[in-house]
Amino acid sequence: WLVAAQATLMIFLGLFVTRVADGHWPLTLEDRLPRAFAAHRSPLG
């Protein structure tokens, strides 16, 4: 029962992120971090 509840929660959270919150603040800002990392990569990093 607990694992089923956990899986259900994660599925609803994923659907919320991809279908409801996508294109809205603050998710509109989160792509800036991968782009910033990609622009400043180094051999050490």
ModelCIF file with pLDDT and N, C-alpha, C, O atoms, coordinates in Angstrom:
data_MODEL
#
_entry.id   MODEL 
#
_entity.id                         1 
_entity.type                       polymer 
_entity.pdbx_number_of_molecules   1 
#
_entity_poly.entity_id                      1 
_entity_poly.type                           'polypeptide(L)' 
_entity_poly.nstd_linkage                   no 
_entity_poly.nstd_monomer                   no 
_entity_poly.pdbx_seq_one_letter_code       WLVAAQATLMIFLGLFVTRVADGHWPLTLEDRLPRAFAAHRSPLG 
_entity_poly.pdbx_seq_one_letter_code_can   WLVAAQATLMIFLGLFVTRVADGHWPLTLEDRLPRAFAAHRSPLG 
_entity_poly.pdbx_strand_id                 A 
#
loop_
_entity_poly_seq.entity_id 
_entity_poly_seq.num 
_entity_poly_seq.mon_id 
_entity_poly_seq.hetero 
1 1  TRP n 
1 2  LEU n 
1 3  VAL n 
1 4  ALA n 
1 5  ALA n 
1 6  GLN n 
1 7  ALA n 
1 8  THR n 
1 9  LEU n 
1 10 MET n 
1 11 ILE n 
1 12 PHE n 
1 13 LEU n 
1 14 GLY n 
1 15 LEU n 
1 16 PHE n 
1 17 VAL n 
1 18 THR n 
1 19 ARG n 
1 20 VAL n 
1 21 ALA n 
1 22 ASP n 
1 23 GLY n 
1 24 HIS n 
1 25 TRP n 
1 26 PRO n 
1 27 LEU n 
1 28 THR n 
1 29 LEU n 
1 30 GLU n 
1 31 ASP n 
1 32 ARG n 
1 33 LEU n 
1 34 PRO n 
1 35 ARG n 
1 36 ALA n 
1 37 PHE n 
1 38 ALA n 
1 39 ALA n 
1 40 HIS n 
1 41 ARG n 
1 42 SER n 
1 43 PRO n 
1 44 LEU n 
1 45 GLY n 
#
_struct_asym.id          A 
_struct_asym.entity_id   1 
#
loop_
_ma_qa_metric.id 
_ma_qa_metric.mode 
_ma_qa_metric.name 
_ma_qa_metric.software_group_id 
_ma_qa_metric.type 
1 global pLDDT . pLDDT 
2 local  pLDDT . pLDDT 
#
_ma_qa_metric_global.metric_id      1 
_ma_qa_metric_global.metric_value   90.27 
_ma_qa_metric_global.model_id       1 
_ma_qa_metric_global.ordinal_id     1 
#
loop_
_ma_qa_metric_local.label_asym_id 
_ma_qa_metric_local.label_comp_id 
_ma_qa_metric_local.label_seq_id 
_ma_qa_metric_local.metric_id 
_ma_qa_metric_local.metric_value 
_ma_qa_metric_local.model_id 
_ma_qa_metric_local.ordinal_id 
A TRP 1  2 86.00 1 1  
A LEU 2  2 88.00 1 2  
A VAL 3  2 90.00 1 3  
A ALA 4  2 90.00 1 4  
A ALA 5  2 90.00 1 5  
A GLN 6  2 92.00 1 6  
A ALA 7  2 91.00 1 7  
A THR 8  2 92.00 1 8  
A LEU 9  2 93.00 1 9  
A MET 10 2 94.00 1 10 
A ILE 11 2 93.00 1 11 
A PHE 12 2 93.00 1 12 
A LEU 13 2 93.00 1 13 
A GLY 14 2 91.00 1 14 
A LEU 15 2 93.00 1 15 
A PHE 16 2 92.00 1 16 
A VAL 17 2 91.00 1 17 
A THR 18 2 90.00 1 18 
A ARG 19 2 89.00 1 19 
A VAL 20 2 89.00 1 20 
A ALA 21 2 88.00 1 21 
A ASP 22 2 85.00 1 22 
A GLY 23 2 82.00 1 23 
A HIS 24 2 86.00 1 24 
A TRP 25 2 85.00 1 25 
A PRO 26 2 84.00 1 26 
A LEU 27 2 85.00 1 27 
A THR 28 2 84.00 1 28 
A LEU 29 2 87.00 1 29 
A GLU 30 2 88.00 1 30 
A ASP 31 2 87.00 1 31 
A ARG 32 2 92.00 1 32 
A LEU 33 2 92.00 1 33 
A PRO 34 2 92.00 1 34 
A ARG 35 2 93.00 1 35 
A ALA 36 2 93.00 1 36 
A PHE 37 2 93.00 1 37 
A ALA 38 2 93.00 1 38 
A ALA 39 2 93.00 1 39 
A HIS 40 2 93.00 1 40 
A ARG 41 2 94.00 1 41 
A SER 42 2 94.00 1 42 
A PRO 43 2 93.00 1 43 
A LEU 44 2 93.00 1 44 
A GLY 45 2 93.00 1 45 
#
loop_
_atom_site.group_PDB 
_atom_site.id 
_atom_site.type_symbol 
_atom_site.label_atom_id 
_atom_site.label_alt_id 
_atom_site.label_comp_id 
_atom_site.label_asym_id 
_atom_site.label_entity_id 
_atom_site.label_seq_id 
_atom_site.pdbx_PDB_ins_code 
_atom_site.Cartn_x 
_atom_site.Cartn_y 
_atom_site.Cartn_z 
_atom_site.occupancy 
_atom_site.B_iso_or_equiv 
_atom_site.pdbx_formal_charge 
_atom_site.auth_seq_id 
_atom_site.auth_comp_id 
_atom_site.auth_asym_id 
_atom_site.auth_atom_id 
_atom_site.pdbx_PDB_model_num 
ATOM 1   N N  . TRP A 1 1  ? 0.822  -1.209 0.000   1.00 86.00 ? 1  TRP A N  1 
ATOM 2   C CA . TRP A 1 1  ? 0.000  0.000  0.000   1.00 86.00 ? 1  TRP A CA 1 
ATOM 3   C C  . TRP A 1 1  ? 0.857  1.261  0.000   1.00 86.00 ? 1  TRP A C  1 
ATOM 4   O O  . TRP A 1 1  ? 0.541  2.219  -0.705  1.00 86.00 ? 1  TRP A O  1 
ATOM 5   N N  . LEU A 1 2  ? 1.922  1.275  0.769   1.00 88.00 ? 2  LEU A N  1 
ATOM 6   C CA . LEU A 1 2  ? 2.750  2.473  0.836   1.00 88.00 ? 2  LEU A CA 1 
ATOM 7   C C  . LEU A 1 2  ? 3.506  2.711  -0.463  1.00 88.00 ? 2  LEU A C  1 
ATOM 8   O O  . LEU A 1 2  ? 3.619  3.852  -0.913  1.00 88.00 ? 2  LEU A O  1 
ATOM 9   N N  . VAL A 1 3  ? 4.023  1.651  -1.068  1.00 90.00 ? 3  VAL A N  1 
ATOM 10  C CA . VAL A 1 3  ? 4.731  1.817  -2.340  1.00 90.00 ? 3  VAL A CA 1 
ATOM 11  C C  . VAL A 1 3  ? 3.745  2.259  -3.422  1.00 90.00 ? 3  VAL A C  1 
ATOM 12  O O  . VAL A 1 3  ? 4.084  3.092  -4.263  1.00 90.00 ? 3  VAL A O  1 
ATOM 13  N N  . ALA A 1 4  ? 2.532  1.710  -3.407  1.00 90.00 ? 4  ALA A N  1 
ATOM 14  C CA . ALA A 1 4  ? 1.520  2.144  -4.377  1.00 90.00 ? 4  ALA A CA 1 
ATOM 15  C C  . ALA A 1 4  ? 1.204  3.627  -4.209  1.00 90.00 ? 4  ALA A C  1 
ATOM 16  O O  . ALA A 1 4  ? 1.051  4.348  -5.195  1.00 90.00 ? 4  ALA A O  1 
ATOM 17  N N  . ALA A 1 5  ? 1.106  4.080  -2.959  1.00 90.00 ? 5  ALA A N  1 
ATOM 18  C CA . ALA A 1 5  ? 0.852  5.498  -2.711  1.00 90.00 ? 5  ALA A CA 1 
ATOM 19  C C  . ALA A 1 5  ? 2.021  6.348  -3.184  1.00 90.00 ? 5  ALA A C  1 
ATOM 20  O O  . ALA A 1 5  ? 1.825  7.424  -3.749  1.00 90.00 ? 5  ALA A O  1 
ATOM 21  N N  . GLN A 1 6  ? 3.238  5.865  -2.953  1.00 92.00 ? 6  GLN A N  1 
ATOM 22  C CA . GLN A 1 6  ? 4.422  6.604  -3.400  1.00 92.00 ? 6  GLN A CA 1 
ATOM 23  C C  . GLN A 1 6  ? 4.445  6.716  -4.922  1.00 92.00 ? 6  GLN A C  1 
ATOM 24  O O  . GLN A 1 6  ? 4.681  7.799  -5.458  1.00 92.00 ? 6  GLN A O  1 
ATOM 25  N N  . ALA A 1 7  ? 4.204  5.612  -5.618  1.00 91.00 ? 7  ALA A N  1 
ATOM 26  C CA . ALA A 1 7  ? 4.223  5.634  -7.078  1.00 91.00 ? 7  ALA A CA 1 
ATOM 27  C C  . ALA A 1 7  ? 3.138  6.555  -7.625  1.00 91.00 ? 7  ALA A C  1 
ATOM 28  O O  . ALA A 1 7  ? 3.372  7.300  -8.576  1.00 91.00 ? 7  ALA A O  1 
ATOM 29  N N  . THR A 1 8  ? 1.956  6.507  -7.026  1.00 92.00 ? 8  THR A N  1 
ATOM 30  C CA . THR A 1 8  ? 0.870  7.384  -7.470  1.00 92.00 ? 8  THR A CA 1 
ATOM 31  C C  . THR A 1 8  ? 1.243  8.846  -7.294  1.00 92.00 ? 8  THR A C  1 
ATOM 32  O O  . THR A 1 8  ? 1.007  9.665  -8.183  1.00 92.00 ? 8  THR A O  1 
ATOM 33  N N  . LEU A 1 9  ? 1.831  9.176  -6.136  1.00 93.00 ? 9  LEU A N  1 
ATOM 34  C CA . LEU A 1 9  ? 2.260  10.550 -5.880  1.00 93.00 ? 9  LEU A CA 1 
ATOM 35  C C  . LEU A 1 9  ? 3.280  11.011 -6.905  1.00 93.00 ? 9  LEU A C  1 
ATOM 36  O O  . LEU A 1 9  ? 3.185  12.129 -7.412  1.00 93.00 ? 9  LEU A O  1 
ATOM 37  N N  . MET A 1 10 ? 4.255  10.165 -7.219  1.00 94.00 ? 10 MET A N  1 
ATOM 38  C CA . MET A 1 10 ? 5.290  10.553 -8.176  1.00 94.00 ? 10 MET A CA 1 
ATOM 39  C C  . MET A 1 10 ? 4.713  10.713 -9.581  1.00 94.00 ? 10 MET A C  1 
ATOM 40  O O  . MET A 1 10 ? 5.122  11.610 -10.318 1.00 94.00 ? 10 MET A O  1 
ATOM 41  N N  . ILE A 1 11 ? 3.772  9.857  -9.954  1.00 93.00 ? 11 ILE A N  1 
ATOM 42  C CA . ILE A 1 11 ? 3.163  9.970  -11.286 1.00 93.00 ? 11 ILE A CA 1 
ATOM 43  C C  . ILE A 1 11 ? 2.387  11.279 -11.396 1.00 93.00 ? 11 ILE A C  1 
ATOM 44  O O  . ILE A 1 11 ? 2.522  11.997 -12.386 1.00 93.00 ? 11 ILE A O  1 
ATOM 45  N N  . PHE A 1 12 ? 1.578  11.594 -10.391 1.00 93.00 ? 12 PHE A N  1 
ATOM 46  C CA . PHE A 1 12 ? 0.823  12.843 -10.428 1.00 93.00 ? 12 PHE A CA 1 
ATOM 47  C C  . PHE A 1 12 ? 1.764  14.047 -10.430 1.00 93.00 ? 12 PHE A C  1 
ATOM 48  O O  . PHE A 1 12 ? 1.503  15.036 -11.116 1.00 93.00 ? 12 PHE A O  1 
ATOM 49  N N  . LEU A 1 13 ? 2.852  13.970 -9.668  1.00 93.00 ? 13 LEU A N  1 
ATOM 50  C CA . LEU A 1 13 ? 3.814  15.071 -9.654  1.00 93.00 ? 13 LEU A CA 1 
ATOM 51  C C  . LEU A 1 13 ? 4.452  15.240 -11.031 1.00 93.00 ? 13 LEU A C  1 
ATOM 52  O O  . LEU A 1 13 ? 4.622  16.363 -11.506 1.00 93.00 ? 13 LEU A O  1 
ATOM 53  N N  . GLY A 1 14 ? 4.808  14.118 -11.675 1.00 91.00 ? 14 GLY A N  1 
ATOM 54  C CA . GLY A 1 14 ? 5.395  14.201 -13.002 1.00 91.00 ? 14 GLY A CA 1 
ATOM 55  C C  . GLY A 1 14 ? 4.429  14.770 -14.029 1.00 91.00 ? 14 GLY A C  1 
ATOM 56  O O  . GLY A 1 14 ? 4.825  15.574 -14.873 1.00 91.00 ? 14 GLY A O  1 
ATOM 57  N N  . LEU A 1 15 ? 3.166  14.363 -13.966 1.00 93.00 ? 15 LEU A N  1 
ATOM 58  C CA . LEU A 1 15 ? 2.167  14.908 -14.881 1.00 93.00 ? 15 LEU A CA 1 
ATOM 59  C C  . LEU A 1 15 ? 1.932  16.398 -14.633 1.00 93.00 ? 15 LEU A C  1 
ATOM 60  O O  . LEU A 1 15 ? 1.691  17.165 -15.565 1.00 93.00 ? 15 LEU A O  1 
ATOM 61  N N  . PHE A 1 16 ? 2.006  16.792 -13.367 1.00 92.00 ? 16 PHE A N  1 
ATOM 62  C CA . PHE A 1 16 ? 1.853  18.217 -13.047 1.00 92.00 ? 16 PHE A CA 1 
ATOM 63  C C  . PHE A 1 16 ? 2.995  19.021 -13.649 1.00 92.00 ? 16 PHE A C  1 
ATOM 64  O O  . PHE A 1 16 ? 2.772  20.085 -14.228 1.00 92.00 ? 16 PHE A O  1 
ATOM 65  N N  . VAL A 1 17 ? 4.218  18.517 -13.513 1.00 91.00 ? 17 VAL A N  1 
ATOM 66  C CA . VAL A 1 17 ? 5.382  19.241 -14.033 1.00 91.00 ? 17 VAL A CA 1 
ATOM 67  C C  . VAL A 1 17 ? 5.336  19.341 -15.547 1.00 91.00 ? 17 VAL A C  1 
ATOM 68  O O  . VAL A 1 17 ? 5.662  20.386 -16.109 1.00 91.00 ? 17 VAL A O  1 
ATOM 69  N N  . THR A 1 18 ? 4.933  18.256 -16.219 1.00 90.00 ? 18 THR A N  1 
ATOM 70  C CA . THR A 1 18 ? 5.012  18.228 -17.681 1.00 90.00 ? 18 THR A CA 1 
ATOM 71  C C  . THR A 1 18 ? 3.777  18.782 -18.374 1.00 90.00 ? 18 THR A C  1 
ATOM 72  O O  . THR A 1 18 ? 3.876  19.223 -19.519 1.00 90.00 ? 18 THR A O  1 
ATOM 73  N N  . ARG A 1 19 ? 2.613  18.779 -17.722 1.00 89.00 ? 19 ARG A N  1 
ATOM 74  C CA . ARG A 1 19 ? 1.385  19.166 -18.412 1.00 89.00 ? 19 ARG A CA 1 
ATOM 75  C C  . ARG A 1 19 ? 0.698  20.390 -17.830 1.00 89.00 ? 19 ARG A C  1 
ATOM 76  O O  . ARG A 1 19 ? -0.063 21.066 -18.522 1.00 89.00 ? 19 ARG A O  1 
ATOM 77  N N  . VAL A 1 20 ? 0.964  20.677 -16.565 1.00 89.00 ? 20 VAL A N  1 
ATOM 78  C CA . VAL A 1 20 ? 0.300  21.816 -15.926 1.00 89.00 ? 20 VAL A CA 1 
ATOM 79  C C  . VAL A 1 20 ? 1.269  22.969 -15.731 1.00 89.00 ? 20 VAL A C  1 
ATOM 80  O O  . VAL A 1 20 ? 0.992  24.097 -16.139 1.00 89.00 ? 20 VAL A O  1 
ATOM 81  N N  . ALA A 1 21 ? 2.398  22.687 -15.110 1.00 88.00 ? 21 ALA A N  1 
ATOM 82  C CA . ALA A 1 21 ? 3.334  23.764 -14.768 1.00 88.00 ? 21 ALA A CA 1 
ATOM 83  C C  . ALA A 1 21 ? 4.292  24.100 -15.905 1.00 88.00 ? 21 ALA A C  1 
ATOM 84  O O  . ALA A 1 21 ? 4.941  25.146 -15.868 1.00 88.00 ? 21 ALA A O  1 
ATOM 85  N N  . ASP A 1 22 ? 4.392  23.244 -16.907 1.00 85.00 ? 22 ASP A N  1 
ATOM 86  C CA . ASP A 1 22 ? 5.316  23.503 -18.010 1.00 85.00 ? 22 ASP A CA 1 
ATOM 87  C C  . ASP A 1 22 ? 4.935  24.798 -18.730 1.00 85.00 ? 22 ASP A C  1 
ATOM 88  O O  . ASP A 1 22 ? 3.779  25.005 -19.099 1.00 85.00 ? 22 ASP A O  1 
ATOM 89  N N  . GLY A 1 23 ? 5.921  25.652 -18.919 1.00 82.00 ? 23 GLY A N  1 
ATOM 90  C CA . GLY A 1 23 ? 5.696  26.936 -19.554 1.00 82.00 ? 23 GLY A CA 1 
ATOM 91  C C  . GLY A 1 23 ? 5.286  28.030 -18.600 1.00 82.00 ? 23 GLY A C  1 
ATOM 92  O O  . GLY A 1 23 ? 5.070  29.164 -19.026 1.00 82.00 ? 23 GLY A O  1 
ATOM 93  N N  . HIS A 1 24 ? 5.173  27.727 -17.323 1.00 86.00 ? 24 HIS A N  1 
ATOM 94  C CA . HIS A 1 24 ? 4.814  28.704 -16.306 1.00 86.00 ? 24 HIS A CA 1 
ATOM 95  C C  . HIS A 1 24 ? 5.969  28.873 -15.327 1.00 86.00 ? 24 HIS A C  1 
ATOM 96  O O  . HIS A 1 24 ? 6.804  27.984 -15.161 1.00 86.00 ? 24 HIS A O  1 
ATOM 97  N N  . TRP A 1 25 ? 5.992  30.041 -14.682 1.00 85.00 ? 25 TRP A N  1 
ATOM 98  C CA . TRP A 1 25 ? 7.008  30.303 -13.662 1.00 85.00 ? 25 TRP A CA 1 
ATOM 99  C C  . TRP A 1 25 ? 6.771  29.385 -12.483 1.00 85.00 ? 25 TRP A C  1 
ATOM 100 O O  . TRP A 1 25 ? 5.609  29.212 -12.114 1.00 85.00 ? 25 TRP A O  1 
ATOM 101 N N  . PRO A 1 26 ? 7.780  28.774 -11.853 1.00 84.00 ? 26 PRO A N  1 
ATOM 102 C CA . PRO A 1 26 ? 9.217  29.041 -12.058 1.00 84.00 ? 26 PRO A CA 1 
ATOM 103 C C  . PRO A 1 26 ? 9.900  28.097 -13.034 1.00 84.00 ? 26 PRO A C  1 
ATOM 104 O O  . PRO A 1 26 ? 11.106 28.213 -13.253 1.00 84.00 ? 26 PRO A O  1 
ATOM 105 N N  . LEU A 1 27 ? 9.143  27.141 -13.639 1.00 85.00 ? 27 LEU A N  1 
ATOM 106 C CA . LEU A 1 27 ? 9.785  26.191 -14.544 1.00 85.00 ? 27 LEU A CA 1 
ATOM 107 C C  . LEU A 1 27 ? 10.345 26.880 -15.783 1.00 85.00 ? 27 LEU A C  1 
ATOM 108 O O  . LEU A 1 27 ? 11.231 26.341 -16.446 1.00 85.00 ? 27 LEU A O  1 
ATOM 109 N N  . THR A 1 28 ? 9.830  28.076 -16.102 1.00 84.00 ? 28 THR A N  1 
ATOM 110 C CA . THR A 1 28 ? 10.371 28.807 -17.258 1.00 84.00 ? 28 THR A CA 1 
ATOM 111 C C  . THR A 1 28 ? 11.807 29.257 -17.017 1.00 84.00 ? 28 THR A C  1 
ATOM 112 O O  . THR A 1 28 ? 12.511 29.612 -17.963 1.00 84.00 ? 28 THR A O  1 
ATOM 113 N N  . LEU A 1 29 ? 12.250 29.247 -15.753 1.00 87.00 ? 29 LEU A N  1 
ATOM 114 C CA . LEU A 1 29 ? 13.606 29.711 -15.425 1.00 87.00 ? 29 LEU A CA 1 
ATOM 115 C C  . LEU A 1 29 ? 14.615 28.579 -15.315 1.00 87.00 ? 29 LEU A C  1 
ATOM 116 O O  . LEU A 1 29 ? 15.821 28.819 -15.359 1.00 87.00 ? 29 LEU A O  1 
ATOM 117 N N  . GLU A 1 30 ? 14.132 27.343 -15.170 1.00 88.00 ? 30 GLU A N  1 
ATOM 118 C CA . GLU A 1 30 ? 15.073 26.285 -14.783 1.00 88.00 ? 30 GLU A CA 1 
ATOM 119 C C  . GLU A 1 30 ? 16.011 25.872 -15.915 1.00 88.00 ? 30 GLU A C  1 
ATOM 120 O O  . GLU A 1 30 ? 17.064 25.299 -15.638 1.00 88.00 ? 30 GLU A O  1 
ATOM 121 N N  . ASP A 1 31 ? 15.677 26.136 -17.170 1.00 87.00 ? 31 ASP A N  1 
ATOM 122 C CA . ASP A 1 31 ? 16.593 25.778 -18.256 1.00 87.00 ? 31 ASP A CA 1 
ATOM 123 C C  . ASP A 1 31 ? 17.830 26.659 -18.292 1.00 87.00 ? 31 ASP A C  1 
ATOM 124 O O  . ASP A 1 31 ? 18.808 26.341 -18.969 1.00 87.00 ? 31 ASP A O  1 
ATOM 125 N N  . ARG A 1 32 ? 17.785 27.772 -17.559 1.00 92.00 ? 32 ARG A N  1 
ATOM 126 C CA . ARG A 1 32 ? 18.951 28.665 -17.554 1.00 92.00 ? 32 ARG A CA 1 
ATOM 127 C C  . ARG A 1 32 ? 20.171 27.983 -16.935 1.00 92.00 ? 32 ARG A C  1 
ATOM 128 O O  . ARG A 1 32 ? 21.298 28.224 -17.369 1.00 92.00 ? 32 ARG A O  1 
ATOM 129 N N  . LEU A 1 33 ? 19.955 27.125 -15.916 1.00 92.00 ? 33 LEU A N  1 
ATOM 130 C CA . LEU A 1 33 ? 21.082 26.487 -15.230 1.00 92.00 ? 33 LEU A CA 1 
ATOM 131 C C  . LEU A 1 33 ? 21.800 25.492 -16.138 1.00 92.00 ? 33 LEU A C  1 
ATOM 132 O O  . LEU A 1 33 ? 23.026 25.559 -16.218 1.00 92.00 ? 33 LEU A O  1 
ATOM 133 N N  . PRO A 1 34 ? 21.114 24.565 -16.835 1.00 92.00 ? 34 PRO A N  1 
ATOM 134 C CA . PRO A 1 34 ? 21.840 23.683 -17.761 1.00 92.00 ? 34 PRO A CA 1 
ATOM 135 C C  . PRO A 1 34 ? 22.568 24.443 -18.853 1.00 92.00 ? 34 PRO A C  1 
ATOM 136 O O  . PRO A 1 34 ? 23.668 24.059 -19.250 1.00 92.00 ? 34 PRO A O  1 
ATOM 137 N N  . ARG A 1 35 ? 21.952 25.540 -19.351 1.00 93.00 ? 35 ARG A N  1 
ATOM 138 C CA . ARG A 1 35 ? 22.617 26.334 -20.399 1.00 93.00 ? 35 ARG A CA 1 
ATOM 139 C C  . ARG A 1 35 ? 23.865 27.028 -19.855 1.00 93.00 ? 35 ARG A C  1 
ATOM 140 O O  . ARG A 1 35 ? 24.891 27.101 -20.531 1.00 93.00 ? 35 ARG A O  1 
ATOM 141 N N  . ALA A 1 36 ? 23.765 27.537 -18.625 1.00 93.00 ? 36 ALA A N  1 
ATOM 142 C CA . ALA A 1 36 ? 24.928 28.201 -18.027 1.00 93.00 ? 36 ALA A CA 1 
ATOM 143 C C  . ALA A 1 36 ? 26.064 27.215 -17.816 1.00 93.00 ? 36 ALA A C  1 
ATOM 144 O O  . ALA A 1 36 ? 27.224 27.532 -18.076 1.00 93.00 ? 36 ALA A O  1 
ATOM 145 N N  . PHE A 1 37 ? 25.730 26.016 -17.345 1.00 93.00 ? 37 PHE A N  1 
ATOM 146 C CA . PHE A 1 37 ? 26.768 24.990 -17.182 1.00 93.00 ? 37 PHE A CA 1 
ATOM 147 C C  . PHE A 1 37 ? 27.380 24.614 -18.528 1.00 93.00 ? 37 PHE A C  1 
ATOM 148 O O  . PHE A 1 37 ? 28.599 24.490 -18.651 1.00 93.00 ? 37 PHE A O  1 
ATOM 149 N N  . ALA A 1 38 ? 26.523 24.435 -19.540 1.00 93.00 ? 38 ALA A N  1 
ATOM 150 C CA . ALA A 1 38 ? 27.025 24.026 -20.855 1.00 93.00 ? 38 ALA A CA 1 
ATOM 151 C C  . ALA A 1 38 ? 27.956 25.080 -21.431 1.00 93.00 ? 38 ALA A C  1 
ATOM 152 O O  . ALA A 1 38 ? 28.904 24.745 -22.140 1.00 93.00 ? 38 ALA A O  1 
ATOM 153 N N  . ALA A 1 39 ? 27.699 26.355 -21.137 1.00 93.00 ? 39 ALA A N  1 
ATOM 154 C CA . ALA A 1 39 ? 28.520 27.437 -21.686 1.00 93.00 ? 39 ALA A CA 1 
ATOM 155 C C  . ALA A 1 39 ? 29.844 27.595 -20.948 1.00 93.00 ? 39 ALA A C  1 
ATOM 156 O O  . ALA A 1 39 ? 30.765 28.224 -21.468 1.00 93.00 ? 39 ALA A O  1 
ATOM 157 N N  . HIS A 1 40 ? 29.954 27.041 -19.759 1.00 93.00 ? 40 HIS A N  1 
ATOM 158 C CA . HIS A 1 40 ? 31.172 27.231 -18.959 1.00 93.00 ? 40 HIS A CA 1 
ATOM 159 C C  . HIS A 1 40 ? 31.798 25.907 -18.532 1.00 93.00 ? 40 HIS A C  1 
ATOM 160 O O  . HIS A 1 40 ? 32.420 25.828 -17.473 1.00 93.00 ? 40 HIS A O  1 
ATOM 161 N N  . ARG A 1 41 ? 31.639 24.877 -19.342 1.00 94.00 ? 41 ARG A N  1 
ATOM 162 C CA . ARG A 1 41 ? 32.250 23.591 -19.009 1.00 94.00 ? 41 ARG A CA 1 
ATOM 163 C C  . ARG A 1 41 ? 33.770 23.663 -19.116 1.00 94.00 ? 41 ARG A C  1 
ATOM 164 O O  . ARG A 1 41 ? 34.318 24.439 -19.899 1.00 94.00 ? 41 ARG A O  1 
ATOM 165 N N  . SER A 1 42 ? 34.431 22.843 -18.316 1.00 94.00 ? 42 SER A N  1 
ATOM 166 C CA . SER A 1 42 ? 35.896 22.810 -18.302 1.00 94.00 ? 42 SER A CA 1 
ATOM 167 C C  . SER A 1 42 ? 36.330 21.364 -18.121 1.00 94.00 ? 42 SER A C  1 
ATOM 168 O O  . SER A 1 42 ? 35.526 20.531 -17.702 1.00 94.00 ? 42 SER A O  1 
ATOM 169 N N  . PRO A 1 43 ? 37.579 21.047 -18.427 1.00 93.00 ? 43 PRO A N  1 
ATOM 170 C CA . PRO A 1 43 ? 38.055 19.666 -18.218 1.00 93.00 ? 43 PRO A CA 1 
ATOM 171 C C  . PRO A 1 43 ? 37.912 19.214 -16.765 1.00 93.00 ? 43 PRO A C  1 
ATOM 172 O O  . PRO A 1 43 ? 37.559 18.063 -16.504 1.00 93.00 ? 43 PRO A O  1 
ATOM 173 N N  . LEU A 1 44 ? 38.183 20.110 -15.825 1.00 93.00 ? 44 LEU A N  1 
ATOM 174 C CA . LEU A 1 44 ? 38.054 19.737 -14.410 1.00 93.00 ? 44 LEU A CA 1 
ATOM 175 C C  . LEU A 1 44 ? 36.606 19.431 -14.054 1.00 93.00 ? 44 LEU A C  1 
ATOM 176 O O  . LEU A 1 44 ? 36.315 18.417 -13.420 1.00 93.00 ? 44 LEU A O  1 
ATOM 177 N N  . GLY A 1 45 ? 35.691 20.325 -14.471 1.00 93.00 ? 45 GLY A N  1 
ATOM 178 C CA . GLY A 1 45 ? 34.279 20.095 -14.198 1.00 93.00 ? 45 GLY A CA 1 
ATOM 179 C C  . GLY A 1 45 ? 33.756 18.848 -14.881 1.00 93.00 ? 45 GLY A C  1 
ATOM 180 O O  . GLY A 1 45 ? 32.577 18.519 -14.746 1.00 93.00 ? 45 GLY A O  1 
#
